[in-house]
C-alpha cells in the first residue's frame, strides 16, 4: 500500500505470473479499497519466463502466447492514451 501511495500517477499494474497475481489478491483482501479504485487498471498474464508458456499441446502454448501478447498490447494502449 505504501508503494501504491508513492505513485499517484499510476495508470496500470501488470501482474505477470502466479506469484504476482497471488500477491495482488492478498493485497486486495487486506485492503478492499484497492480493488475499488479507478485510478489504475490491473492486467493479469503469464510469467515472462519460457517455462510459463510451455505445454506439450501446441494449441495451449499458442493460446498462452496470445494471452500474454494481448495483455501487453492492452498495457501499451492504456499508456498511450
N, C-alpha and C. Protein backbone atom coordinates (compact mmCIF):
# COMPACT_ATOMS: atom_id res chain seq x y z
N UNK A 1 0.82 -1.18 0.00
CA UNK A 1 0.00 0.00 0.00
C UNK A 1 0.87 1.25 0.00
N UNK A 2 1.97 1.19 0.73
CA UNK A 2 2.85 2.36 0.74
C UNK A 2 3.40 2.63 -0.64
N UNK A 3 3.77 1.56 -1.35
CA UNK A 3 4.31 1.74 -2.70
C UNK A 3 3.27 2.37 -3.63
N UNK A 4 2.03 1.89 -3.56
CA UNK A 4 0.97 2.49 -4.39
C UNK A 4 0.77 3.96 -4.04
N UNK A 5 0.90 4.28 -2.77
CA UNK A 5 0.77 5.67 -2.34
C UNK A 5 1.86 6.57 -2.88
N UNK A 6 3.01 5.99 -3.20
CA UNK A 6 4.12 6.78 -3.74
C UNK A 6 3.99 7.03 -5.24
N UNK A 7 2.97 6.42 -5.85
CA UNK A 7 2.78 6.55 -7.30
C UNK A 7 1.40 7.12 -7.62
N UNK A 8 1.21 8.41 -7.40
CA UNK A 8 -0.12 9.00 -7.60
C UNK A 8 -0.57 8.99 -9.07
N UNK A 9 0.37 8.89 -10.00
CA UNK A 9 0.02 8.90 -11.42
C UNK A 9 -0.02 7.50 -12.02
N UNK A 10 -0.03 6.47 -11.19
CA UNK A 10 -0.07 5.09 -11.66
C UNK A 10 -1.32 4.86 -12.49
N UNK A 11 -1.14 4.29 -13.69
CA UNK A 11 -2.28 4.06 -14.59
C UNK A 11 -2.55 2.59 -14.83
N UNK A 12 -1.52 1.76 -14.70
CA UNK A 12 -1.71 0.33 -14.97
C UNK A 12 -0.75 -0.49 -14.11
N UNK A 13 -1.26 -1.64 -13.64
CA UNK A 13 -0.44 -2.60 -12.89
C UNK A 13 -0.45 -3.88 -13.71
N UNK A 14 0.73 -4.34 -14.12
CA UNK A 14 0.86 -5.56 -14.92
C UNK A 14 1.33 -6.67 -13.98
N UNK A 15 0.48 -7.67 -13.82
CA UNK A 15 0.80 -8.81 -12.96
C UNK A 15 1.19 -9.98 -13.86
N UNK A 16 2.47 -10.31 -13.85
CA UNK A 16 2.99 -11.37 -14.70
C UNK A 16 3.30 -12.60 -13.85
N UNK A 17 2.45 -13.60 -13.96
CA UNK A 17 2.69 -14.86 -13.27
C UNK A 17 1.85 -15.05 -12.03
N UNK A 18 1.83 -16.30 -11.58
CA UNK A 18 1.01 -16.68 -10.44
C UNK A 18 1.39 -16.01 -9.14
N UNK A 19 2.68 -15.85 -8.89
CA UNK A 19 3.11 -15.22 -7.63
C UNK A 19 2.65 -13.76 -7.57
N UNK A 20 2.81 -13.05 -8.67
CA UNK A 20 2.38 -11.65 -8.71
C UNK A 20 0.87 -11.54 -8.52
N UNK A 21 0.13 -12.43 -9.14
CA UNK A 21 -1.32 -12.40 -9.03
C UNK A 21 -1.78 -12.78 -7.62
N UNK A 22 -1.11 -13.76 -7.01
CA UNK A 22 -1.45 -14.16 -5.64
C UNK A 22 -1.15 -13.03 -4.66
N UNK A 23 -0.04 -12.35 -4.86
CA UNK A 23 0.32 -11.22 -4.01
C UNK A 23 -0.71 -10.12 -4.12
N UNK A 24 -1.16 -9.85 -5.33
CA UNK A 24 -2.17 -8.81 -5.54
C UNK A 24 -3.49 -9.20 -4.85
N UNK A 25 -3.87 -10.48 -4.93
CA UNK A 25 -5.10 -10.93 -4.26
C UNK A 25 -4.98 -10.73 -2.74
N UNK A 26 -3.81 -11.01 -2.20
CA UNK A 26 -3.61 -10.79 -0.76
C UNK A 26 -3.72 -9.30 -0.42
N UNK A 27 -3.17 -8.47 -1.27
CA UNK A 27 -3.27 -7.02 -1.06
C UNK A 27 -4.73 -6.58 -1.10
N UNK A 28 -5.48 -7.08 -2.07
CA UNK A 28 -6.90 -6.72 -2.17
C UNK A 28 -7.69 -7.21 -0.96
N UNK A 29 -7.33 -8.39 -0.46
CA UNK A 29 -8.03 -8.93 0.71
C UNK A 29 -7.75 -8.08 1.95
N UNK A 30 -6.50 -7.68 2.10
CA UNK A 30 -6.11 -6.87 3.26
C UNK A 30 -6.59 -5.42 3.13
N UNK A 31 -6.74 -4.96 1.89
CA UNK A 31 -7.13 -3.57 1.63
C UNK A 31 -8.20 -3.56 0.52
N UNK A 32 -9.45 -3.87 0.86
CA UNK A 32 -10.51 -3.97 -0.16
C UNK A 32 -10.70 -2.69 -0.98
N UNK A 33 -10.30 -1.56 -0.43
CA UNK A 33 -10.45 -0.31 -1.17
C UNK A 33 -9.56 -0.26 -2.41
N UNK A 34 -8.51 -1.07 -2.45
CA UNK A 34 -7.62 -1.10 -3.62
C UNK A 34 -8.39 -1.54 -4.86
N UNK A 35 -9.19 -2.59 -4.73
CA UNK A 35 -9.95 -3.11 -5.87
C UNK A 35 -10.98 -2.11 -6.37
N UNK A 36 -11.46 -1.26 -5.48
CA UNK A 36 -12.49 -0.29 -5.86
C UNK A 36 -11.92 0.96 -6.54
N UNK A 37 -10.62 1.14 -6.47
CA UNK A 37 -10.01 2.32 -7.07
C UNK A 37 -10.13 2.29 -8.59
N UNK A 38 -10.38 3.44 -9.16
CA UNK A 38 -10.48 3.53 -10.61
C UNK A 38 -9.30 4.30 -11.21
N UNK A 39 -8.31 4.61 -10.40
CA UNK A 39 -7.20 5.41 -10.93
C UNK A 39 -6.22 4.57 -11.74
N UNK A 40 -6.29 3.24 -11.62
CA UNK A 40 -5.42 2.39 -12.42
C UNK A 40 -6.15 1.11 -12.78
N UNK A 41 -5.67 0.47 -13.84
CA UNK A 41 -6.21 -0.81 -14.30
C UNK A 41 -5.22 -1.91 -13.93
N UNK A 42 -5.73 -3.09 -13.69
CA UNK A 42 -4.89 -4.25 -13.39
C UNK A 42 -5.00 -5.24 -14.54
N UNK A 43 -3.86 -5.63 -15.09
CA UNK A 43 -3.81 -6.58 -16.21
C UNK A 43 -3.03 -7.80 -15.73
N UNK A 44 -3.63 -8.98 -15.91
CA UNK A 44 -3.01 -10.23 -15.48
C UNK A 44 -2.58 -11.04 -16.69
N UNK A 45 -1.41 -11.66 -16.59
CA UNK A 45 -0.96 -12.53 -17.67
C UNK A 45 0.06 -13.53 -17.13
N UNK A 46 0.58 -14.34 -18.02
CA UNK A 46 1.56 -15.36 -17.66
C UNK A 46 2.90 -14.73 -17.32
N UNK A 47 3.68 -15.46 -16.56
CA UNK A 47 5.05 -15.05 -16.23
C UNK A 47 5.84 -14.91 -17.54
N UNK A 48 6.79 -13.99 -17.60
CA UNK A 48 7.55 -13.80 -18.84
C UNK A 48 8.54 -14.92 -19.17
N UNK A 49 8.80 -15.81 -18.23
CA UNK A 49 9.73 -16.90 -18.49
C UNK A 49 9.17 -17.92 -19.48
N UNK A 50 10.06 -18.56 -20.21
CA UNK A 50 9.64 -19.53 -21.24
C UNK A 50 8.85 -20.69 -20.66
N UNK A 51 9.21 -21.15 -19.46
CA UNK A 51 8.52 -22.31 -18.91
C UNK A 51 7.06 -22.03 -18.60
N UNK A 52 6.69 -20.79 -18.39
CA UNK A 52 5.29 -20.46 -18.12
C UNK A 52 4.42 -20.69 -19.35
N UNK A 53 5.02 -20.60 -20.51
CA UNK A 53 4.26 -20.77 -21.75
C UNK A 53 4.29 -22.21 -22.24
N UNK A 54 5.20 -23.02 -21.71
CA UNK A 54 5.39 -24.36 -22.23
C UNK A 54 4.20 -25.25 -21.91
N UNK A 55 3.84 -26.05 -22.89
CA UNK A 55 2.84 -27.10 -22.74
C UNK A 55 3.11 -28.13 -23.83
N UNK A 56 2.82 -29.41 -23.59
CA UNK A 56 3.01 -30.39 -24.66
C UNK A 56 2.02 -30.18 -25.81
N UNK A 57 0.95 -29.47 -25.52
CA UNK A 57 -0.08 -29.20 -26.53
C UNK A 57 0.24 -27.88 -27.23
N UNK A 58 0.53 -27.92 -28.55
CA UNK A 58 0.87 -26.68 -29.26
C UNK A 58 -0.24 -25.64 -29.24
N UNK A 59 -1.48 -26.09 -29.18
CA UNK A 59 -2.59 -25.13 -29.13
C UNK A 59 -2.62 -24.39 -27.80
N UNK A 60 -2.32 -25.09 -26.73
CA UNK A 60 -2.26 -24.45 -25.42
C UNK A 60 -1.13 -23.44 -25.38
N UNK A 61 0.03 -23.84 -25.92
CA UNK A 61 1.18 -22.91 -25.98
C UNK A 61 0.81 -21.65 -26.75
N UNK A 62 0.18 -21.84 -27.91
CA UNK A 62 -0.21 -20.70 -28.75
C UNK A 62 -1.20 -19.80 -28.02
N UNK A 63 -2.14 -20.41 -27.31
CA UNK A 63 -3.14 -19.62 -26.57
C UNK A 63 -2.48 -18.82 -25.45
N UNK A 64 -1.52 -19.43 -24.76
CA UNK A 64 -0.80 -18.72 -23.70
C UNK A 64 0.01 -17.56 -24.26
N UNK A 65 0.70 -17.81 -25.38
CA UNK A 65 1.47 -16.74 -26.01
C UNK A 65 0.56 -15.61 -26.46
N UNK A 66 -0.59 -15.96 -27.02
CA UNK A 66 -1.54 -14.93 -27.47
C UNK A 66 -2.09 -14.15 -26.29
N UNK A 67 -2.37 -14.83 -25.20
CA UNK A 67 -2.87 -14.16 -24.00
C UNK A 67 -1.85 -13.13 -23.51
N UNK A 68 -0.60 -13.54 -23.44
CA UNK A 68 0.44 -12.62 -22.98
C UNK A 68 0.60 -11.45 -23.93
N UNK A 69 0.59 -11.72 -25.24
CA UNK A 69 0.70 -10.64 -26.22
C UNK A 69 -0.47 -9.67 -26.10
N UNK A 70 -1.68 -10.19 -25.94
CA UNK A 70 -2.86 -9.34 -25.79
C UNK A 70 -2.76 -8.47 -24.54
N UNK A 71 -2.27 -9.06 -23.44
CA UNK A 71 -2.11 -8.30 -22.21
C UNK A 71 -1.11 -7.16 -22.39
N UNK A 72 0.00 -7.43 -23.04
CA UNK A 72 1.00 -6.39 -23.26
C UNK A 72 0.47 -5.30 -24.19
N UNK A 73 -0.32 -5.67 -25.16
CA UNK A 73 -0.94 -4.66 -26.04
C UNK A 73 -1.92 -3.79 -25.26
N UNK A 74 -2.70 -4.42 -24.37
CA UNK A 74 -3.63 -3.64 -23.55
C UNK A 74 -2.88 -2.62 -22.71
N UNK A 75 -1.78 -3.05 -22.11
CA UNK A 75 -0.96 -2.13 -21.29
C UNK A 75 -0.44 -1.00 -22.17
N UNK A 76 0.08 -1.33 -23.34
CA UNK A 76 0.59 -0.29 -24.24
C UNK A 76 -0.51 0.69 -24.64
N UNK A 77 -1.69 0.18 -24.93
CA UNK A 77 -2.80 1.06 -25.29
C UNK A 77 -3.19 1.97 -24.15
N UNK A 78 -3.21 1.44 -22.94
CA UNK A 78 -3.56 2.25 -21.77
C UNK A 78 -2.55 3.36 -21.55
N UNK A 79 -1.29 3.04 -21.72
CA UNK A 79 -0.24 4.03 -21.51
C UNK A 79 -0.19 5.06 -22.64
N UNK A 80 -0.60 4.65 -23.81
CA UNK A 80 -0.60 5.55 -24.96
C UNK A 80 -1.71 6.60 -24.86
N UNK A 81 -2.84 6.22 -24.28
CA UNK A 81 -3.99 7.14 -24.19
C UNK A 81 -3.75 8.24 -23.21
